[in-house]
Amino acid sequence: MPNLHVAPHAAFTAILDRGSSRAPQAFGDGALRTLYDGSRHDVGEPVMTINPGVGTATIALPQVTPAVDALAAARDDLALLLARE
């Protein structure tokens, strides 16, 4: 597999550093924090992911099944609203 060249400013770690400096409340101890009820929370089960393009580990992304399930209940209404845009 050929190596993918990623410009330094577009590297995941560079983007993560910029994001965490702009919104430190959104980042916990090595994982993204979830926003609900107007504040950030450490919820879900963090899972470290691997970038398939460059093969490097990324930040642990929370698996937030309850939030996805809640959105699924409103999926049709959301789709209809988007169609009306």
Protein backbone atom coordinates (compact mmCIF):
# COMPACT_ATOMS: atom_id res chain seq x y z
CA MET A 1 0.00 0.00 0.00
CA PRO A 2 1.50 3.36 -0.96
CA ASN A 3 1.97 5.94 1.75
CA LEU A 4 -0.46 8.83 1.73
CA HIS A 5 1.15 12.24 2.06
CA VAL A 6 -0.69 14.52 4.45
CA ALA A 7 0.30 18.17 4.66
CA PRO A 8 1.51 19.07 8.18
CA HIS A 9 -1.39 21.48 8.80
CA ALA A 10 -3.89 18.76 7.77
CA ALA A 11 -2.47 16.01 9.98
CA PHE A 12 -4.95 14.70 12.53
CA THR A 13 -2.74 15.65 15.47
CA ALA A 14 -2.39 19.22 14.15
CA ILE A 15 -6.16 19.53 13.72
CA LEU A 16 -6.70 18.05 17.17
CA ASP A 17 -4.22 20.49 18.73
CA ARG A 18 -5.96 23.44 17.08
CA GLY A 19 -9.39 22.19 18.11
CA SER A 20 -8.39 21.55 21.71
CA SER A 21 -6.80 25.00 22.00
CA ARG A 22 -9.98 26.63 20.65
CA ALA A 23 -12.42 24.56 22.72
CA PRO A 24 -10.57 22.83 25.57
CA GLN A 25 -13.87 21.96 27.26
CA ALA A 26 -14.65 19.61 24.34
CA PHE A 27 -11.64 17.40 25.00
CA GLY A 28 -11.17 15.14 27.99
CA ASP A 29 -8.28 12.91 28.93
CA GLY A 30 -7.47 11.54 25.49
CA ALA A 31 -11.08 11.50 24.30
CA LEU A 32 -13.74 13.80 22.95
CA ARG A 33 -16.41 14.92 25.40
CA THR A 34 -20.11 14.82 24.51
CA LEU A 35 -22.24 17.96 24.61
CA TYR A 36 -25.71 17.62 26.08
CA ASP A 37 -27.88 19.61 28.46
CA GLY A 38 -25.71 22.62 27.72
CA SER A 39 -22.43 21.20 29.05
CA ARG A 40 -19.75 18.67 28.16
CA HIS A 41 -19.74 15.20 29.69
CA ASP A 42 -17.52 12.13 29.60
CA VAL A 43 -20.00 9.52 28.42
CA GLY A 44 -19.93 6.44 26.27
CA GLU A 45 -17.14 3.95 25.92
CA PRO A 46 -14.06 5.54 24.30
CA VAL A 47 -12.64 3.48 21.46
CA MET A 48 -9.27 4.31 19.90
CA THR A 49 -9.57 4.42 16.14
CA ILE A 50 -6.94 3.99 13.43
CA ASN A 51 -6.81 6.32 10.43
CA PRO A 52 -6.91 3.93 7.47
CA GLY A 53 -5.19 6.42 5.15
CA VAL A 54 -2.00 6.81 7.16
CA GLY A 55 -2.29 4.02 9.74
CA THR A 56 -1.96 6.24 12.80
CA ALA A 57 -4.03 6.17 15.97
CA THR A 58 -6.51 8.97 16.46
CA ILE A 59 -8.28 10.28 19.54
CA ALA A 60 -10.60 7.92 21.35
CA LEU A 61 -14.08 8.51 20.01
CA PRO A 62 -16.94 7.76 22.38
CA GLN A 63 -19.44 5.17 21.24
CA VAL A 64 -22.67 6.86 22.25
CA THR A 65 -25.33 4.30 21.48
CA PRO A 66 -28.11 6.00 23.50
CA ALA A 67 -27.67 9.24 21.54
CA VAL A 68 -27.73 7.42 18.22
CA ASP A 69 -30.83 5.50 19.30
CA ALA A 70 -32.55 8.76 20.26
CA LEU A 71 -31.74 10.25 16.85
CA ALA A 72 -33.04 7.13 15.11
CA ALA A 73 -36.45 7.78 16.63
CA ALA A 74 -36.54 11.18 14.91
CA ARG A 75 -34.81 10.08 11.68
CA ASP A 76 -37.85 10.37 9.41
CA ASP A 77 -38.79 13.81 10.72
CA LEU A 78 -35.20 15.00 10.30
CA ALA A 79 -35.11 13.68 6.74
CA LEU A 80 -38.38 15.44 5.92
CA LEU A 81 -37.07 18.72 7.36
CA LEU A 82 -33.89 18.42 5.30
CA ALA A 83 -35.93 17.70 2.17
CA ARG A 84 -37.89 20.92 2.71
CA GLU A 85 -34.71 23.03 2.89
